[in-house]
Protein backbone atom coordinates (compact mmCIF):
# COMPACT_ATOMS: atom_id res chain seq x y z
CA MET A 1 39.61 -183.63 -104.81
CA SER A 2 38.19 -187.14 -104.67
CA HIS A 3 36.68 -188.63 -101.53
CA ASP A 4 39.42 -191.31 -101.36
CA LYS A 5 42.22 -188.75 -101.52
CA GLN A 6 40.61 -186.72 -98.78
CA ILE A 7 40.43 -189.76 -96.49
CA SER A 8 44.22 -190.05 -96.57
CA SER A 9 44.52 -186.44 -95.37
CA TYR A 10 42.49 -186.80 -92.17
CA THR A 11 44.23 -185.57 -89.07
CA VAL A 12 41.27 -184.48 -86.96
CA PRO A 13 39.36 -187.75 -86.38
CA SER A 14 35.60 -188.02 -86.66
CA ARG A 15 35.25 -188.67 -82.93
CA ALA A 16 36.55 -185.13 -82.35
CA LEU A 17 33.09 -183.86 -83.32
CA PHE A 18 31.80 -185.01 -79.92
CA PHE A 19 34.49 -183.01 -78.10
CA PHE A 20 33.89 -180.02 -80.38
CA ALA A 21 30.19 -180.00 -79.48
CA LEU A 22 30.88 -180.58 -75.79
CA LEU A 23 33.41 -177.74 -75.55
CA THR A 24 31.32 -175.38 -77.68
CA PHE A 25 28.23 -175.78 -75.52
CA ALA A 26 30.25 -175.74 -72.29
CA ILE A 27 31.81 -172.37 -73.12
CA THR A 28 28.70 -170.63 -74.38
CA TRP A 29 26.15 -172.14 -72.04
CA GLY A 30 28.55 -171.71 -69.13
CA VAL A 31 28.84 -167.95 -69.70
CA VAL A 32 25.19 -167.36 -70.56
CA GLY A 33 23.93 -169.79 -67.92
CA SER A 34 25.74 -167.94 -65.15
CA TYR A 35 23.83 -164.74 -66.04
CA ILE A 36 20.52 -166.64 -66.22
CA LEU A 37 20.88 -168.72 -63.05
CA PHE A 38 22.77 -166.20 -60.90
CA PRO A 39 22.00 -162.81 -62.50
CA VAL A 40 22.63 -160.57 -59.49
CA TRP A 41 25.78 -162.33 -58.32
CA THR A 42 27.29 -162.55 -61.84
CA ALA A 43 26.40 -159.00 -62.86
CA SER A 44 27.76 -157.54 -59.63
CA ARG A 45 31.13 -159.22 -60.17
CA LEU A 46 31.48 -159.31 -63.95
CA GLY A 47 29.24 -156.47 -65.06
CA ALA A 48 25.86 -156.53 -66.77
CA ILE A 49 25.84 -158.55 -69.98
CA SER A 50 25.30 -156.76 -73.27
CA GLY A 51 26.26 -157.07 -76.91
CA GLY A 52 29.53 -155.25 -76.22
CA HIS A 53 30.54 -157.09 -73.04
CA PRO A 54 33.78 -159.14 -73.37
CA LEU A 55 32.01 -162.24 -72.04
CA TYR A 56 29.39 -161.87 -74.77
CA PHE A 57 32.23 -162.20 -77.28
CA VAL A 58 33.58 -165.25 -75.43
CA ALA A 59 30.13 -166.86 -75.50
CA THR A 60 29.77 -166.09 -79.20
CA TRP A 61 33.25 -167.42 -79.92
CA GLY A 62 32.51 -170.79 -78.27
CA PRO A 63 32.53 -172.73 -81.59
CA ALA A 64 35.74 -171.01 -82.73
CA ILE A 65 37.54 -171.61 -79.42
CA ALA A 66 36.55 -175.27 -79.54
CA ALA A 67 37.76 -175.51 -83.15
CA PHE A 68 41.16 -173.98 -82.37
CA VAL A 69 41.63 -176.31 -79.37
CA LEU A 70 40.91 -179.36 -81.51
CA VAL A 71 43.07 -178.24 -84.44
CA LEU A 72 46.00 -177.42 -82.16
CA SER A 73 45.68 -180.71 -80.28
CA HIS A 74 45.65 -182.77 -83.49
CA GLY A 75 47.81 -180.66 -85.80
CA GLY A 76 49.90 -178.31 -83.68
CA ILE A 77 50.92 -174.85 -84.86
CA ARG A 78 51.57 -176.10 -88.41
CA GLY A 79 48.12 -177.64 -88.50
CA LEU A 80 46.60 -174.39 -87.26
CA ARG A 81 48.33 -172.45 -90.04
CA ARG A 82 47.00 -174.85 -92.63
CA PHE A 83 43.55 -174.69 -91.08
CA LEU A 84 43.64 -170.89 -91.31
CA SER A 85 44.76 -171.13 -94.95
CA ARG A 86 41.13 -171.97 -95.68
CA LEU A 87 40.42 -168.27 -95.12
CA PHE A 88 42.09 -167.62 -98.48
CA LEU A 89 39.95 -170.04 -100.50
CA TRP A 90 37.67 -167.83 -102.55
CA ARG A 91 37.19 -169.51 -105.93
CA CYS A 92 33.76 -171.00 -106.49
CA ASP A 93 30.84 -170.78 -108.90
CA ALA A 94 29.99 -167.11 -109.48
CA ILE A 95 26.37 -167.72 -108.48
CA TRP A 96 27.43 -168.08 -104.84
CA TRP A 97 29.24 -164.75 -104.78
CA LEU A 98 26.12 -163.16 -106.28
CA LEU A 99 23.97 -164.78 -103.61
CA ILE A 100 26.19 -163.47 -100.81
CA LEU A 101 26.78 -159.96 -102.13
CA ILE A 102 23.42 -159.26 -103.79
CA GLY A 103 20.96 -162.03 -102.99
CA ILE A 104 21.04 -161.75 -99.19
CA PRO A 105 20.54 -157.95 -99.17
CA LEU A 106 17.64 -158.35 -101.62
CA VAL A 107 16.01 -160.86 -99.28
CA TYR A 108 16.00 -158.32 -96.45
CA ILE A 109 14.85 -155.49 -98.68
CA ALA A 110 12.03 -157.59 -100.15
CA GLY A 111 10.98 -158.81 -96.71
CA SER A 112 10.94 -155.28 -95.33
CA LEU A 113 8.93 -153.93 -98.26
CA ALA A 114 6.46 -156.82 -97.92
CA LYS A 115 5.50 -155.56 -94.48
CA GLY A 116 5.59 -151.88 -95.42
CA GLY A 117 9.08 -151.17 -94.11
CA PRO A 118 12.01 -149.18 -95.55
CA VAL A 119 14.53 -150.26 -98.16
CA LEU A 120 17.41 -149.84 -95.71
CA ALA A 121 17.52 -149.63 -91.93
CA PRO A 122 16.98 -146.03 -90.74
CA LEU A 123 20.18 -144.26 -89.80
CA PRO A 124 20.56 -142.83 -86.26
CA PRO A 125 20.79 -139.05 -85.79
CA GLU A 126 24.60 -139.36 -85.77
CA GLY A 127 24.56 -140.63 -89.36
CA ALA A 128 26.21 -143.68 -90.91
CA ARG A 129 29.41 -143.67 -88.81
CA PRO A 130 28.02 -145.57 -85.78
CA VAL A 131 26.33 -148.07 -88.11
CA LEU A 132 29.64 -148.66 -89.88
CA ALA A 133 31.30 -149.16 -86.49
CA LEU A 134 28.59 -151.65 -85.53
CA MET A 135 29.01 -153.46 -88.86
CA LEU A 136 32.74 -153.80 -88.18
CA MET A 137 32.06 -155.10 -84.67
CA MET A 138 29.64 -157.66 -86.13
CA LEU A 139 32.51 -159.04 -88.21
CA PHE A 140 34.09 -160.18 -84.96
CA LEU A 141 30.94 -161.81 -83.61
CA GLY A 142 28.81 -164.16 -85.73
CA PRO A 143 31.31 -164.77 -88.56
CA ILE A 144 33.92 -166.00 -86.06
CA GLU A 145 31.57 -168.89 -85.24
CA GLU A 146 32.29 -170.29 -88.71
CA PHE A 147 35.73 -171.48 -87.59
CA GLY A 148 33.75 -174.09 -85.69
CA TRP A 149 30.57 -174.77 -87.67
CA ARG A 150 32.10 -174.86 -91.14
CA GLY A 151 35.73 -175.22 -90.08
CA VAL A 152 35.35 -178.41 -88.06
CA ALA A 153 31.76 -179.67 -87.85
CA GLN A 154 30.84 -179.55 -91.54
CA PRO A 155 33.84 -181.51 -92.90
CA ILE A 156 33.55 -184.16 -90.20
CA LEU A 157 29.80 -184.62 -90.66
CA GLN A 158 30.23 -184.88 -94.44
CA ARG A 159 32.37 -187.96 -93.92
CA ARG A 160 29.21 -189.84 -92.93
CA PHE A 161 26.30 -187.75 -94.22
CA ALA A 162 25.33 -186.18 -97.52
CA PRO A 163 25.81 -182.37 -97.50
CA PHE A 164 22.09 -181.68 -97.09
CA TRP A 165 21.88 -183.74 -93.90
CA ALA A 166 25.21 -182.45 -92.61
CA GLY A 167 23.94 -178.89 -93.02
CA ALA A 168 20.64 -179.74 -91.33
CA ILE A 169 22.43 -181.31 -88.34
CA ILE A 170 24.67 -178.26 -87.94
CA GLY A 171 21.63 -175.99 -88.24
CA ALA A 172 19.89 -177.88 -85.44
CA MET A 173 23.04 -177.69 -83.28
CA TRP A 174 23.37 -174.00 -84.10
CA GLY A 175 19.77 -173.28 -83.12
CA ILE A 176 19.91 -175.21 -79.83
CA TRP A 177 23.27 -173.60 -79.03
CA HIS A 178 21.51 -170.20 -79.18
CA LEU A 179 18.64 -171.26 -76.90
CA PRO A 180 19.92 -169.85 -73.56
CA ALA A 181 20.32 -166.40 -75.13
CA PHE A 182 16.52 -166.21 -75.44
CA TYR A 183 16.36 -166.15 -71.63
CA LEU A 184 19.16 -163.63 -71.22
CA ALA A 185 18.15 -160.05 -70.46
CA GLY A 186 20.00 -157.29 -72.28
CA VAL A 187 20.50 -158.98 -75.67
CA VAL A 188 18.45 -158.89 -78.86
CA TYR A 189 17.24 -162.50 -78.64
CA THR A 190 14.83 -161.74 -75.79
CA ASP A 191 12.52 -160.00 -78.30
CA TRP A 192 12.51 -162.93 -80.75
CA ASN A 193 10.50 -166.14 -81.01
CA PHE A 194 12.68 -169.25 -80.81
CA LEU A 195 10.81 -171.56 -83.22
CA PRO A 196 11.11 -169.32 -86.34
CA PHE A 197 14.71 -168.60 -85.33
CA PHE A 198 15.43 -172.34 -85.10
CA VAL A 199 13.84 -172.97 -88.51
CA GLY A 200 15.93 -170.10 -89.87
CA ASN A 201 19.13 -171.60 -88.44
CA VAL A 202 18.50 -174.95 -90.10
CA THR A 203 17.58 -173.23 -93.36
CA LEU A 204 20.70 -171.06 -93.40
CA ALA A 205 23.01 -173.95 -92.50
CA ILE A 206 21.65 -175.91 -95.45
CA LEU A 207 21.86 -172.88 -97.77
CA VAL A 208 25.53 -172.19 -96.97
CA THR A 209 26.48 -175.85 -97.50
CA PRO A 210 26.76 -175.79 -101.34
CA ILE A 211 28.70 -172.54 -101.06
CA PHE A 212 31.14 -174.20 -98.65
CA ASN A 213 31.61 -177.24 -100.89
CA SER A 214 31.84 -175.25 -104.12
CA ALA A 215 34.67 -173.21 -102.57
CA ARG A 216 36.41 -176.44 -101.46
CA GLY A 217 36.08 -175.86 -97.73
CA SER A 218 36.50 -172.09 -97.71
CA LEU A 219 36.07 -170.31 -94.40
CA LEU A 220 35.98 -166.90 -96.10
CA LEU A 221 32.70 -167.37 -97.95
CA PRO A 222 30.68 -168.74 -95.00
CA MET A 223 32.00 -165.85 -92.90
CA LEU A 224 30.89 -163.30 -95.48
CA PHE A 225 27.55 -165.09 -95.75
CA HIS A 226 27.14 -164.91 -91.96
CA TRP A 227 28.21 -161.25 -91.89
CA GLN A 228 25.56 -160.32 -94.43
CA LEU A 229 22.90 -161.95 -92.26
CA ILE A 230 23.69 -159.55 -89.38
CA ASN A 231 24.61 -156.46 -91.41
CA PRO A 232 22.98 -153.53 -89.53
CA PHE A 233 22.34 -151.67 -92.80
CA TRP A 234 19.72 -154.22 -93.86
CA PRO A 235 16.20 -153.45 -92.61
CA ASP A 236 14.15 -155.53 -90.19
CA ALA A 237 12.38 -158.04 -92.41
CA GLN A 238 10.98 -160.48 -89.85
CA PRO A 239 9.19 -162.78 -90.41
CA TRP A 240 9.33 -162.42 -94.18
CA ASP A 241 13.10 -162.90 -94.40
CA THR A 242 12.77 -166.39 -92.88
CA TRP A 243 10.15 -167.47 -95.42
CA ILE A 244 11.98 -165.96 -98.38
CA LEU A 245 15.24 -167.62 -97.34
CA LEU A 246 13.38 -170.91 -96.92
CA ALA A 247 12.07 -170.59 -100.48
CA VAL A 248 15.55 -169.72 -101.78
CA THR A 249 17.00 -172.73 -99.96
CA LEU A 250 14.40 -175.09 -101.44
CA ILE A 251 15.26 -173.82 -104.93
CA VAL A 252 19.00 -174.21 -104.31
CA VAL A 253 18.58 -177.73 -102.90
CA TRP A 254 16.51 -178.76 -105.92
CA TYR A 255 18.97 -177.16 -108.35
CA LYS A 256 21.98 -178.80 -106.63
CA ARG A 257 20.19 -182.02 -105.65
CA GLU A 258 22.81 -184.29 -107.22
CA THR A 259 25.60 -182.94 -105.01
CA MET A 260 23.45 -182.09 -101.98
CA PHE A 261 22.41 -185.71 -101.54
CA SER A 262 25.71 -187.36 -102.43
CA ARG A 263 29.01 -187.46 -100.54
CA SER A 264 31.08 -187.99 -103.70
CA ASP A 265 32.30 -184.37 -103.94
CA SER A 266 31.96 -183.27 -100.32
CA VAL A 267 34.75 -181.47 -98.47
CA THR A 268 35.76 -183.69 -95.56
CA VAL A 269 39.18 -182.33 -94.53
CA VAL A 270 39.62 -180.05 -91.54
CA ILE A 271 43.36 -179.41 -91.95
CA PRO A 272 44.26 -179.23 -95.67
CA GLY A 273 47.22 -181.28 -96.80
CA HIS A 274 48.09 -182.42 -93.30
CA VAL A 275 48.82 -186.11 -92.88
CA PRO A 276 49.64 -188.03 -89.69
CA GLY A 277 53.33 -187.90 -88.78
CA GLN A 278 54.01 -184.85 -90.92
């Protein structure tokens, strides 16, 4: 679809990006901040925070909640249905499916082996069943964020910026959005270093950008990409996974440099086929 044709389909205006960011940070930082600033009071009334706590899901879903609010306010129920139709966009260059299904696992395996680790994450004494349950739960955490990052933010940013820069901006937002979690007891981030994590966020947001555009605004592929990044079957590969992914991203950016630094074929529509007054 040409850039001119996409312009005529805008329903969610570019200024909505400000409200998306404001609502996203308000939801997530509001939940996490209450546990950081008032830990005893909040925990005594709402329960200790953990990866399975309902409020942890709400905090993680901040970008998605903000996206649904904006889509509903600008497109109504019909607009929301059309927005969700992007979940069924799956056609793209085969190389991107290979990267998601095979490339990402190989990154973790290679990173783990580089530091003398296992090929796959060790199973608990109970076997694979609890890991499968955790993998299913992960589907309803990180991947849900993509309704916001790739569903709303990426198309709007690509109206003004080349895909590379749009991805980098989202990556920076994504990293900063995670920052309070590094001060929150009871979650995995407290054991991580923020700077490599931030670099990783920017890297991954750039890497998923050509996948997103190749699939014409698909939400499915970025969600699968995100799911692979947190798949509990893959071994701990830090810090090697960050550096390998950075190298992969540099190769992809060079290979796709004509489209990564041009807006001519960028996806810029939030609600497909929805025009004002429809």
